[in-house]
Amino acid sequence: KVTDQPKKPSIIDALLFLARVAAGEEVDNDPIRAQLPRFRKLLGGGVEVVGRAVYARRGIKNPSQANCCYANCVIQGLLPFTALMMLLSNCSPDPERHPFHTSFLKVARTFYSQKP
């Protein structure tokens, strides 16, 4: 389904906007500025973790001709961070605007699914 409506900004957009502001970039006409109040509570107070997410401890295969073990180690090291996983799970996947977070969310869902 194709729509002409712009996508609603996510917390990732807000964080990227704030990073650009901190770096001194010109952001006067950026439409995310008007959306910042939506994220104020999360950005100001952090993420309240009320429970612990349970993930399946699985390994990631290393392709035989690629040195991916360091990347796999970082990915698997981030998985136990419940607050990060909660943040990512509340963001809508958008491969065009946020390819990294969309891909990481897909990998994380593999570890947090109930099926082995």
Foldseek 3Di string as FASTA:
>chain_A
DDDPDDDDDAVVVVVVLVVCVVVVHDCPPPPCVVVVVVCCCCVPPNDDDPDFQDWADDADDDPPPDDCPVVRVVLSVPLRPRSVLVRLVPDDADCVVCVPSNVSNVVSVVGRDPDD
